[in-house]
Amino acid sequence: MGAHSLASLSVRAATYSGVFTQRPMPTGEGRERHGEILRAATALADAGLLRPILDEQTFRIEQATKAHE
């Protein structure tokens, strides 16, 4: 775990988001629940029931905002 200063992001009108799925690794907290989720995802993948949804359109880095829209 660590402390992170996000103050500079507000100055630049930036945002920060994330999914902290690795928390059980160092802490052990919620480890069994995360295991259940991963086992369910594995079963879906093995059954061919997961399908990535990709947009065929490509964007340059300058178009990042448009890409997220």
Protein backbone atom coordinates (compact mmCIF):
# COMPACT_ATOMS: atom_id res chain seq x y z
CA MET A 1 0.00 0.00 0.00
CA GLY A 2 1.10 3.54 -0.42
CA ALA A 3 0.07 7.13 -0.38
CA HIS A 4 -0.43 8.91 -3.65
CA SER A 5 -0.88 12.61 -4.14
CA LEU A 6 -3.54 13.32 -6.72
CA ALA A 7 -3.45 17.09 -6.20
CA SER A 8 -1.56 17.74 -9.42
CA LEU A 9 -4.34 16.07 -11.39
CA SER A 10 -6.90 18.67 -10.33
CA VAL A 11 -4.60 21.48 -11.42
CA ARG A 12 -4.45 19.94 -14.89
CA ALA A 13 -8.19 19.13 -14.99
CA ALA A 14 -7.25 15.46 -15.20
CA THR A 15 -9.06 12.50 -13.74
CA TYR A 16 -7.83 9.34 -12.10
CA SER A 17 -9.74 6.11 -11.98
CA GLY A 18 -8.88 2.53 -11.39
CA VAL A 19 -10.05 -0.84 -10.26
CA PHE A 20 -8.07 -2.04 -7.31
CA THR A 21 -8.39 -5.78 -7.80
CA GLN A 22 -4.99 -6.58 -6.36
CA ARG A 23 -5.82 -5.52 -2.82
CA PRO A 24 -6.25 -9.14 -1.65
CA MET A 25 -2.71 -9.97 -2.73
CA PRO A 26 -0.82 -7.92 -0.12
CA THR A 27 -3.56 -7.80 2.52
CA GLY A 28 -5.47 -11.05 2.17
CA GLU A 29 -8.65 -8.98 2.53
CA GLY A 30 -11.46 -10.31 0.35
CA ARG A 31 -9.20 -12.96 -1.16
CA GLU A 32 -11.85 -15.68 -1.25
CA ARG A 33 -14.43 -13.37 -2.88
CA HIS A 34 -11.94 -12.36 -5.57
CA GLY A 35 -11.17 -16.02 -6.08
CA GLU A 36 -14.87 -16.71 -6.65
CA ILE A 37 -15.06 -13.91 -9.21
CA LEU A 38 -11.98 -15.16 -11.06
CA ARG A 39 -13.27 -18.76 -11.05
CA ALA A 40 -16.61 -17.57 -12.50
CA ALA A 41 -14.82 -15.51 -15.17
CA THR A 42 -12.64 -18.50 -16.03
CA ALA A 43 -15.71 -20.72 -16.43
CA LEU A 44 -17.33 -18.16 -18.74
CA ALA A 45 -14.15 -17.86 -20.81
CA ASP A 46 -13.74 -21.62 -21.03
CA ALA A 47 -17.34 -21.92 -22.22
CA GLY A 48 -16.71 -19.31 -24.91
CA LEU A 49 -19.21 -16.91 -23.36
CA LEU A 50 -16.92 -13.90 -23.04
CA ARG A 51 -16.64 -11.69 -26.07
CA PRO A 52 -14.58 -8.52 -26.18
CA ILE A 53 -16.41 -5.62 -27.74
CA LEU A 54 -14.02 -3.65 -29.89
CA ASP A 55 -14.69 -0.59 -31.99
CA GLU A 56 -13.15 -0.92 -35.43
CA GLN A 57 -12.40 2.81 -35.49
CA THR A 58 -8.88 3.78 -34.46
CA PHE A 59 -7.78 7.03 -32.87
CA ARG A 60 -4.55 8.98 -32.62
CA ILE A 61 -3.37 10.04 -29.18
CA GLU A 62 -4.58 13.57 -29.91
CA GLN A 63 -8.09 12.13 -30.19
CA ALA A 64 -8.12 10.45 -26.78
CA THR A 65 -11.14 12.42 -25.61
CA LYS A 66 -13.12 11.45 -28.71
CA ALA A 67 -12.08 7.82 -28.29
CA HIS A 68 -13.45 7.75 -24.73
CA GLU A 69 -16.73 9.29 -25.87
